Amino acid sequence: MEPRRELSLSDLVLSIADNKQMLGLRYAEWATRAPSLEADIAAAAMGLDDLGHSRVLYGCLEPLGADPRGPERETDPASLRALPYFDEPWSEWAQFVAANAILDTAFTVMVESCVSGSVEVLQHRLRKMLMEERYHFLHGRSWLRSGIDAVPLNRAWQEAVEWFGPADGEVASLHRDGRLSMGPAELLVRLEEQLEMKAPKLSIDWKQWDAIRRRSAPGAIDQSTFAMLRGLEEKKYAPSAVPKA
């Protein structure tokens, strides 16, 4: 068996970026399907925010050192480090709300941990993101308080806690050396404080957990979304290049 590669802060930042990108895309898919015009507008605005945030996060990888992105990201959907919650488009509004309230806020508390840590590039580049996320939090919390089905809500909690990682994982190590201001336990407490609710009782088998993708479930984003991300759909419909004479 090959020894496991030690994960770095760059790996974590790439995970935040990939999840922010997918969250933005899934939000945008609801820009004309939400229950009200105001929610339509919010979905579009939050989608644009998170797509922009992902670009900022990708831009932090080079200053952090080794960029963990490889050529497989151009052909393999499973090489993206997004949570299972984003693998398929959402079919009901409750899935949107659970993602908005739980997962979006989980990503924000991790960004907060980066900003309050000791790494200057993250302190400077991500601070504005926290201000922009304030509206996302208020929107998600408002809809959450109106009541949603427990199934997507519990799933979002499960994936958020898995994403924070185990007590002996690299997030805990980054917290110990000061690069993050919070470890997994502190991140969960912060998430619960923000939402003013406790996580449900969860059962996580960390032996099944993929430390690189930060998820236990297999799978990957759907092919049509992956094609859009990689620009394959545009290439398919683009006119063929005319050979030079």
C-alpha atoms as a PDB file:
ATOM      1  CA  MET A   1       0.000   0.000   0.000  1.00  0.00           C
ATOM      2  CA  GLU A   2       1.302   3.462  -0.923  1.00  0.00           C
ATOM      3  CA  PRO A   3       1.933   5.810   1.999  1.00  0.00           C
ATOM      4  CA  ARG A   4      -0.758   8.488   2.207  1.00  0.00           C
ATOM      5  CA  ARG A   5       0.374  11.881   0.950  1.00  0.00           C
ATOM      6  CA  GLU A   6       0.416  14.457   3.714  1.00  0.00           C
ATOM      7  CA  LEU A   7      -2.293  16.987   3.002  1.00  0.00           C
ATOM      8  CA  SER A   8      -1.473  20.674   2.999  1.00  0.00           C
ATOM      9  CA  LEU A   9      -3.249  23.974   3.489  1.00  0.00           C
ATOM     10  CA  SER A  10      -3.400  24.185  -0.324  1.00  0.00           C
ATOM     11  CA  ASP A  11      -5.453  20.976  -0.380  1.00  0.00           C
ATOM     12  CA  LEU A  12      -7.955  22.498   2.026  1.00  0.00           C
ATOM     13  CA  VAL A  13      -8.176  25.766   0.071  1.00  0.00           C
ATOM     14  CA  LEU A  14      -8.766  23.800  -3.141  1.00  0.00           C
ATOM     15  CA  SER A  15     -11.593  21.938  -1.412  1.00  0.00           C
ATOM     16  CA  ILE A  16     -13.184  25.217  -0.318  1.00  0.00           C
ATOM     17  CA  ALA A  17     -12.826  26.561  -3.871  1.00  0.00           C
ATOM     18  CA  ASP A  18     -14.324  23.501  -5.571  1.00  0.00           C
ATOM     19  CA  ASN A  19     -17.256  23.443  -3.154  1.00  0.00           C
ATOM     20  CA  LYS A  20     -17.856  27.171  -3.525  1.00  0.00           C
ATOM     21  CA  GLN A  21     -17.851  26.759  -7.294  1.00  0.00           C
ATOM     22  CA  MET A  22     -20.385  23.939  -7.181  1.00  0.00           C
ATOM     23  CA  LEU A  23     -22.548  25.751  -4.627  1.00  0.00           C
ATOM     24  CA  GLY A  24     -22.616  28.782  -6.918  1.00  0.00           C
ATOM     25  CA  LEU A  25     -23.657  26.678  -9.897  1.00  0.00           C
ATOM     26  CA  ARG A  26     -26.406  24.879  -7.973  1.00  0.00           C
ATOM     27  CA  TYR A  27     -27.688  28.208  -6.636  1.00  0.00           C
ATOM     28  CA  ALA A  28     -27.795  29.618 -10.160  1.00  0.00           C
ATOM     29  CA  GLU A  29     -29.886  26.683 -11.388  1.00  0.00           C
ATOM     30  CA  TRP A  30     -32.665  27.947  -9.108  1.00  0.00           C
ATOM     31  CA  ALA A  31     -32.582  31.562 -10.320  1.00  0.00           C
ATOM     32  CA  THR A  32     -35.946  31.061 -12.099  1.00  0.00           C
ATOM     33  CA  ARG A  33     -37.342  28.191 -10.010  1.00  0.00           C
ATOM     34  CA  ALA A  34     -37.450  29.529  -6.453  1.00  0.00           C
ATOM     35  CA  PRO A  35     -40.780  30.006  -4.608  1.00  0.00           C
ATOM     36  CA  SER A  36     -40.789  33.795  -4.997  1.00  0.00           C
ATOM     37  CA  LEU A  37     -39.282  36.527  -7.155  1.00  0.00           C
ATOM     38  CA  GLU A  38     -37.178  37.673  -4.200  1.00  0.00           C
ATOM     39  CA  ALA A  39     -35.804  34.142  -3.776  1.00  0.00           C
ATOM     40  CA  ASP A  40     -35.081  33.964  -7.521  1.00  0.00           C
ATOM     41  CA  ILE A  41     -33.025  37.146  -7.263  1.00  0.00           C
ATOM     42  CA  ALA A  42     -31.261  35.890  -4.133  1.00  0.00           C
ATOM     43  CA  ALA A  43     -30.367  32.596  -5.832  1.00  0.00           C
ATOM     44  CA  ALA A  44     -28.845  34.430  -8.793  1.00  0.00           C
ATOM     45  CA  ALA A  45     -26.939  36.898  -6.601  1.00  0.00           C
ATOM     46  CA  MET A  46     -25.592  34.260  -4.224  1.00  0.00           C
ATOM     47  CA  GLY A  47     -24.597  32.079  -7.162  1.00  0.00           C
ATOM     48  CA  LEU A  48     -22.538  34.898  -8.644  1.00  0.00           C
ATOM     49  CA  ASP A  49     -20.982  35.608  -5.235  1.00  0.00           C
ATOM     50  CA  ASP A  50     -19.833  32.028  -4.725  1.00  0.00           C
ATOM     51  CA  LEU A  51     -18.505  31.650  -8.262  1.00  0.00           C
ATOM     52  CA  GLY A  52     -16.496  34.815  -7.656  1.00  0.00           C
ATOM     53  CA  HIS A  53     -15.294  33.517  -4.294  1.00  0.00           C
ATOM     54  CA  SER A  54     -14.093  30.305  -5.916  1.00  0.00           C
ATOM     55  CA  ARG A  55     -11.952  32.315  -8.328  1.00  0.00           C
ATOM     56  CA  VAL A  56     -10.360  34.193  -5.422  1.00  0.00           C
ATOM     57  CA  LEU A  57      -9.639  30.916  -3.639  1.00  0.00           C
ATOM     58  CA  TYR A  58      -8.119  29.310  -6.752  1.00  0.00           C
ATOM     59  CA  GLY A  59      -5.926  32.401  -7.012  1.00  0.00           C
ATOM     60  CA  CYS A  60      -4.552  31.724  -3.520  1.00  0.00           C
ATOM     61  CA  LEU A  61      -3.098  28.332  -4.479  1.00  0.00           C
ATOM     62  CA  GLU A  62       0.068  29.567  -6.191  1.00  0.00           C
ATOM     63  CA  PRO A  63       1.085  31.910  -3.338  1.00  0.00           C
ATOM     64  CA  LEU A  64       0.525  29.049  -0.877  1.00  0.00           C
ATOM     65  CA  GLY A  65       3.112  26.889  -2.637  1.00  0.00           C
ATOM     66  CA  ALA A  66       2.458  23.609  -4.426  1.00  0.00           C
ATOM     67  CA  ASP A  67      -0.783  23.709  -6.436  1.00  0.00           C
ATOM     68  CA  PRO A  68      -2.581  20.375  -5.915  1.00  0.00           C
ATOM     69  CA  ARG A  69      -4.510  20.607  -9.205  1.00  0.00           C
ATOM     70  CA  GLY A  70      -3.467  18.039 -11.791  1.00  0.00           C
ATOM     71  CA  PRO A  71      -4.312  17.361 -15.443  1.00  0.00           C
ATOM     72  CA  GLU A  72      -6.904  14.754 -14.412  1.00  0.00           C
ATOM     73  CA  ARG A  73      -9.250  17.614 -13.522  1.00  0.00           C
ATOM     74  CA  GLU A  74      -9.829  18.161 -17.249  1.00  0.00           C
ATOM     75  CA  THR A  75     -11.228  14.672 -17.827  1.00  0.00           C
ATOM     76  CA  ASP A  76     -12.307  13.078 -14.523  1.00  0.00           C
ATOM     77  CA  PRO A  77     -15.325  14.475 -12.606  1.00  0.00           C
ATOM     78  CA  ALA A  78     -14.225  12.550  -9.516  1.00  0.00           C
ATOM     79  CA  SER A  79     -11.011  14.592  -9.401  1.00  0.00           C
ATOM     80  CA  LEU A  80     -13.006  17.633  -8.247  1.00  0.00           C
ATOM     81  CA  ARG A  81     -13.194  17.960  -4.481  1.00  0.00           C
ATOM     82  CA  ALA A  82     -16.873  18.765  -4.099  1.00  0.00           C
ATOM     83  CA  LEU A  83     -19.258  17.207  -1.598  1.00  0.00           C
ATOM     84  CA  PRO A  84     -21.823  14.554  -2.618  1.00  0.00           C
ATOM     85  CA  TYR A  85     -24.571  17.121  -1.983  1.00  0.00           C
ATOM     86  CA  PHE A  86     -23.549  18.806  -5.247  1.00  0.00           C
ATOM     87  CA  ASP A  87     -23.183  15.674  -7.379  1.00  0.00           C
ATOM     88  CA  GLU A  88     -26.642  16.092  -8.928  1.00  0.00           C
ATOM     89  CA  PRO A  89     -28.891  19.133  -9.504  1.00  0.00           C
ATOM     90  CA  TRP A  90     -31.334  19.739  -6.666  1.00  0.00           C
ATOM     91  CA  SER A  91     -34.926  18.668  -7.321  1.00  0.00           C
ATOM     92  CA  GLU A  92     -36.638  20.493  -4.431  1.00  0.00           C
ATOM     93  CA  TRP A  93     -36.409  23.835  -2.660  1.00  0.00           C
ATOM     94  CA  ALA A  94     -35.641  22.181   0.693  1.00  0.00           C
ATOM     95  CA  GLN A  95     -32.307  20.998  -0.747  1.00  0.00           C
ATOM     96  CA  PHE A  96     -31.484  24.594  -1.684  1.00  0.00           C
ATOM     97  CA  VAL A  97     -32.375  25.849   1.799  1.00  0.00           C
ATOM     98  CA  ALA A  98     -30.340  23.159   3.589  1.00  0.00           C
ATOM     99  CA  ALA A  99     -27.311  23.927   1.416  1.00  0.00           C
ATOM    100  CA  ASN A 100     -27.752  27.665   1.928  1.00  0.00           C
ATOM    101  CA  ALA A 101     -28.155  27.441   5.692  1.00  0.00           C
ATOM    102  CA  ILE A 102     -25.810  24.591   6.634  1.00  0.00           C
ATOM    103  CA  LEU A 103     -23.184  24.051   3.927  1.00  0.00           C
ATOM    104  CA  ASP A 104     -22.737  27.678   2.878  1.00  0.00           C
ATOM    105  CA  THR A 105     -22.285  28.632   6.531  1.00  0.00           C
ATOM    106  CA  ALA A 106     -19.885  25.714   7.092  1.00  0.00           C
ATOM    107  CA  PHE A 107     -17.709  26.965   4.227  1.00  0.00           C
ATOM    108  CA  THR A 108     -17.857  30.466   5.689  1.00  0.00           C
ATOM    109  CA  VAL A 109     -16.685  29.390   9.153  1.00  0.00           C
ATOM    110  CA  MET A 110     -13.764  27.587   7.498  1.00  0.00           C
ATOM    111  CA  VAL A 111     -12.934  30.782   5.586  1.00  0.00           C
ATOM    112  CA  GLU A 112     -13.169  32.632   8.910  1.00  0.00           C
ATOM    113  CA  SER A 113     -10.690  30.140  10.358  1.00  0.00           C
ATOM    114  CA  CYS A 114      -8.328  30.900   7.463  1.00  0.00           C
ATOM    115  CA  VAL A 115      -8.672  34.665   7.857  1.00  0.00           C
ATOM    116  CA  SER A 116      -8.012  34.457  11.597  1.00  0.00           C
ATOM    117  CA  GLY A 117      -5.044  32.140  11.108  1.00  0.00           C
ATOM    118  CA  SER A 118      -1.412  33.025  10.544  1.00  0.00           C
ATOM    119  CA  VAL A 119      -1.191  32.835   6.726  1.00  0.00           C
ATOM    120  CA  GLU A 120      -1.021  36.369   5.331  1.00  0.00           C
ATOM    121  CA  VAL A 121      -2.274  35.679   1.808  1.00  0.00           C
ATOM    122  CA  LEU A 122      -5.473  34.183   3.232  1.00  0.00           C
ATOM    123  CA  GLN A 123      -5.852  36.954   5.810  1.00  0.00           C
ATOM    124  CA  HIS A 124      -5.729  39.613   3.094  1.00  0.00           C
ATOM    125  CA  ARG A 125      -7.567  37.967   0.200  1.00  0.00           C
ATOM    126  CA  LEU A 126     -10.436  36.267   2.011  1.00  0.00           C
ATOM    127  CA  ARG A 127     -11.494  38.926   4.517  1.00  0.00           C
ATOM    128  CA  LYS A 128     -13.922  40.646   2.130  1.00  0.00           C
ATOM    129  CA  MET A 129     -15.532  37.265   1.446  1.00  0.00           C
ATOM    130  CA  LEU A 130     -16.779  37.131   5.035  1.00  0.00           C
ATOM    131  CA  MET A 131     -18.658  40.407   4.612  1.00  0.00           C
ATOM    132  CA  GLU A 132     -20.251  39.248   1.365  1.00  0.00           C
ATOM    133  CA  GLU A 133     -21.314  35.975   2.962  1.00  0.00           C
ATOM    134  CA  ARG A 134     -23.337  37.770   5.626  1.00  0.00           C
ATOM    135  CA  TYR A 135     -26.335  38.071   3.297  1.00  0.00           C
ATOM    136  CA  HIS A 136     -26.106  34.372   2.366  1.00  0.00           C
ATOM    137  CA  PHE A 137     -26.274  33.487   6.055  1.00  0.00           C
ATOM    138  CA  LEU A 138     -29.292  35.691   6.757  1.00  0.00           C
ATOM    139  CA  HIS A 139     -31.150  34.362   3.712  1.00  0.00           C
ATOM    140  CA  GLY A 140     -30.477  30.723   4.597  1.00  0.00           C
ATOM    141  CA  ARG A 141     -31.331  31.141   8.270  1.00  0.00           C
ATOM    142  CA  SER A 142     -34.600  32.888   7.433  1.00  0.00           C
ATOM    143  CA  TRP A 143     -35.769  30.084   5.150  1.00  0.00           C
ATOM    144  CA  LEU A 144     -34.529  27.447   7.584  1.00  0.00           C
ATOM    145  CA  ARG A 145     -36.637  28.926  10.372  1.00  0.00           C
ATOM    146  CA  SER A 146     -39.704  28.694   8.142  1.00  0.00           C
ATOM    147  CA  GLY A 147     -39.305  24.910   8.287  1.00  0.00           C
ATOM    148  CA  ILE A 148     -38.036  22.348   5.783  1.00  0.00           C
ATOM    149  CA  ASP A 149     -38.020  18.577   5.405  1.00  0.00           C
ATOM    150  CA  ALA A 150     -35.570  16.815   7.738  1.00  0.00           C
ATOM    151  CA  VAL A 151     -33.958  14.611   5.053  1.00  0.00           C
ATOM    152  CA  PRO A 152     -31.941  17.270   3.175  1.00  0.00           C
ATOM    153  CA  LEU A 153     -31.279  19.107   6.425  1.00  0.00           C
ATOM    154  CA  ASN A 154     -29.749  16.065   8.120  1.00  0.00           C
ATOM    155  CA  ARG A 155     -27.778  15.234   4.985  1.00  0.00           C
ATOM    156  CA  ALA A 156     -26.324  18.744   4.888  1.00  0.00           C
ATOM    157  CA  TRP A 157     -25.302  18.491   8.553  1.00  0.00           C
ATOM    158  CA  GLN A 158     -23.685  15.095   7.938  1.00  0.00           C
ATOM    159  CA  GLU A 159     -21.657  16.338   4.986  1.00  0.00           C
ATOM    160  CA  ALA A 160     -20.650  19.554   6.765  1.00  0.00           C
ATOM    161  CA  VAL A 161     -19.254  17.665   9.756  1.00  0.00           C
ATOM    162  CA  GLU A 162     -17.484  15.168   7.479  1.00  0.00           C
ATOM    163  CA  TRP A 163     -16.021  18.083   5.540  1.00  0.00           C
ATOM    164  CA  PHE A 164     -14.565  19.594   8.743  1.00  0.00           C
ATOM    165  CA  GLY A 165     -12.701  16.305   9.130  1.00  0.00           C
ATOM    166  CA  PRO A 166     -11.737  13.957  11.979  1.00  0.00           C
ATOM    167  CA  ALA A 167     -10.235  15.070  15.269  1.00  0.00           C
ATOM    168  CA  ASP A 168      -6.785  13.825  14.181  1.00  0.00           C
ATOM    169  CA  GLY A 169      -6.906  15.082  10.586  1.00  0.00           C
ATOM    170  CA  GLU A 170      -5.036  17.826   8.784  1.00  0.00           C
ATOM    171  CA  VAL A 171      -7.514  20.555   9.795  1.00  0.00           C
ATOM    172  CA  ALA A 172      -6.709  19.761  13.426  1.00  0.00           C
ATOM    173  CA  SER A 173      -2.986  19.825  12.590  1.00  0.00           C
ATOM    174  CA  LEU A 174      -3.289  23.174  10.782  1.00  0.00           C
ATOM    175  CA  HIS A 175      -5.130  24.516  13.826  1.00  0.00           C
ATOM    176  CA  ARG A 176      -2.394  23.328  16.190  1.00  0.00           C
ATOM    177  CA  ASP A 177       0.323  25.084  14.213  1.00  0.00           C
ATOM    178  CA  GLY A 178      -1.684  28.304  13.971  1.00  0.00           C
ATOM    179  CA  ARG A 179      -2.436  28.388  10.259  1.00  0.00           C
ATOM    180  CA  LEU A 180      -6.128  27.901  11.059  1.00  0.00           C
ATOM    181  CA  SER A 181      -7.782  29.509  14.067  1.00  0.00           C
ATOM    182  CA  MET A 182     -10.223  26.609  14.539  1.00  0.00           C
ATOM    183  CA  GLY A 183     -10.032  22.822  14.404  1.00  0.00           C
ATOM    184  CA  PRO A 184     -12.926  20.442  13.591  1.00  0.00           C
ATOM    185  CA  ALA A 185     -14.524  20.646  17.048  1.00  0.00           C
ATOM    186  CA  GLU A 186     -14.307  24.446  17.156  1.00  0.00           C
ATOM    187  CA  LEU A 187     -15.675  24.724  13.601  1.00  0.00           C
ATOM    188  CA  LEU A 188     -18.727  22.672  14.548  1.00  0.00           C
ATOM    189  CA  VAL A 189     -19.338  24.748  17.673  1.00  0.00           C
ATOM    190  CA  ARG A 190     -19.032  27.928  15.594  1.00  0.00           C
ATOM    191  CA  LEU A 191     -21.471  26.575  12.988  1.00  0.00           C
ATOM    192  CA  GLU A 192     -24.008  25.664  15.667  1.00  0.00           C
ATOM    193  CA  GLU A 193     -23.626  29.089  17.295  1.00  0.00           C
ATOM    194  CA  GLN A 194     -24.189  30.844  13.996  1.00  0.00           C
ATOM    195  CA  LEU A 195     -27.318  28.843  13.198  1.00  0.00           C
ATOM    196  CA  GLU A 196     -28.549  28.834  16.816  1.00  0.00           C
ATOM    197  CA  MET A 197     -29.243  25.113  16.596  1.00  0.00           C
ATOM    198  CA  LYS A 198     -27.461  21.874  17.395  1.00  0.00           C
ATOM    199  CA  ALA A 199     -26.336  19.352  14.813  1.00  0.00           C
ATOM    200  CA  PRO A 200     -28.383  16.142  14.818  1.00  0.00           C
ATOM    201  CA  LYS A 201     -26.839  12.972  16.192  1.00  0.00           C
ATOM    202  CA  LEU A 202     -24.500  11.747  13.454  1.00  0.00           C
ATOM    203  CA  SER A 203     -22.687   8.497  12.761  1.00  0.00           C
ATOM    204  CA  ILE A 204     -19.504   8.890  10.723  1.00  0.00           C
ATOM    205  CA  ASP A 205     -17.223   6.036   9.729  1.00  0.00           C
ATOM    206  CA  TRP A 206     -13.930   7.847   9.298  1.00  0.00           C
ATOM    207  CA  LYS A 207     -12.384   4.677   7.838  1.00  0.00           C
ATOM    208  CA  GLN A 208     -14.525   5.283   4.751  1.00  0.00           C
ATOM    209  CA  TRP A 209     -13.622   8.966   4.577  1.00  0.00           C
ATOM    210  CA  ASP A 210     -11.630  10.262   1.601  1.00  0.00           C
ATOM    211  CA  ALA A 211      -9.238  12.819   3.098  1.00  0.00           C
ATOM    212  CA  ILE A 212      -8.494  14.463  -0.258  1.00  0.00           C
ATOM    213  CA  ARG A 213     -12.125  14.872  -1.346  1.00  0.00           C
ATOM    214  CA  ARG A 214     -13.296  15.317   2.266  1.00  0.00           C
ATOM    215  CA  ARG A 215     -16.262  12.974   1.815  1.00  0.00           C
ATOM    216  CA  SER A 216     -17.217   9.387   2.610  1.00  0.00           C
ATOM    217  CA  ALA A 217     -19.580   8.665  -0.277  1.00  0.00           C
ATOM    218  CA  PRO A 218     -18.240   7.675  -3.694  1.00  0.00           C
ATOM    219  CA  GLY A 219     -19.441   9.418  -6.833  1.00  0.00           C
ATOM    220  CA  ALA A 220     -18.843  12.680  -8.667  1.00  0.00           C
ATOM    221  CA  ILE A 221     -20.721  15.590 -10.205  1.00  0.00           C
ATOM    222  CA  ASP A 222     -22.997  14.792 -13.132  1.00  0.00           C
ATOM    223  CA  GLN A 223     -21.475  14.725 -16.604  1.00  0.00           C
ATOM    224  CA  SER A 224     -23.417  17.708 -17.975  1.00  0.00           C
ATOM    225  CA  THR A 225     -22.271  19.947 -15.122  1.00  0.00           C
ATOM    226  CA  PHE A 226     -18.703  18.702 -15.486  1.00  0.00           C
ATOM    227  CA  ALA A 227     -18.839  19.394 -19.216  1.00  0.00           C
ATOM    228  CA  MET A 228     -20.028  22.937 -18.535  1.00  0.00           C
ATOM    229  CA  LEU A 229     -17.260  23.490 -15.991  1.00  0.00           C
ATOM    230  CA  ARG A 230     -14.596  22.324 -18.385  1.00  0.00           C
ATOM    231  CA  GLY A 231     -16.038  24.279 -21.323  1.00  0.00           C
ATOM    232  CA  LEU A 232     -16.794  21.101 -23.249  1.00  0.00           C
ATOM    233  CA  GLU A 233     -20.346  22.133 -24.139  1.00  0.00           C
ATOM    234  CA  GLU A 234     -19.129  25.376 -25.698  1.00  0.00           C
ATOM    235  CA  LYS A 235     -16.518  23.465 -27.679  1.00  0.00           C
ATOM    236  CA  LYS A 236     -19.126  21.011 -28.932  1.00  0.00           C
ATOM    237  CA  TYR A 237     -21.297  23.724 -30.426  1.00  0.00           C
ATOM    238  CA  ALA A 238     -18.504  26.068 -31.517  1.00  0.00           C
ATOM    239  CA  PRO A 239     -17.945  26.322 -35.275  1.00  0.00           C
ATOM    240  CA  SER A 240     -15.015  24.364 -36.617  1.00  0.00           C
ATOM    241  CA  ALA A 241     -11.876  26.347 -37.227  1.00  0.00           C
ATOM    242  CA  VAL A 242     -11.359  27.231 -40.865  1.00  0.00           C
ATOM    243  CA  PRO A 243      -7.953  26.017 -42.030  1.00  0.00           C
ATOM    244  CA  LYS A 244      -5.651  28.754 -43.205  1.00  0.00           C
ATOM    245  CA  ALA A 245      -4.916  28.854 -46.922  1.00  0.00           C
END
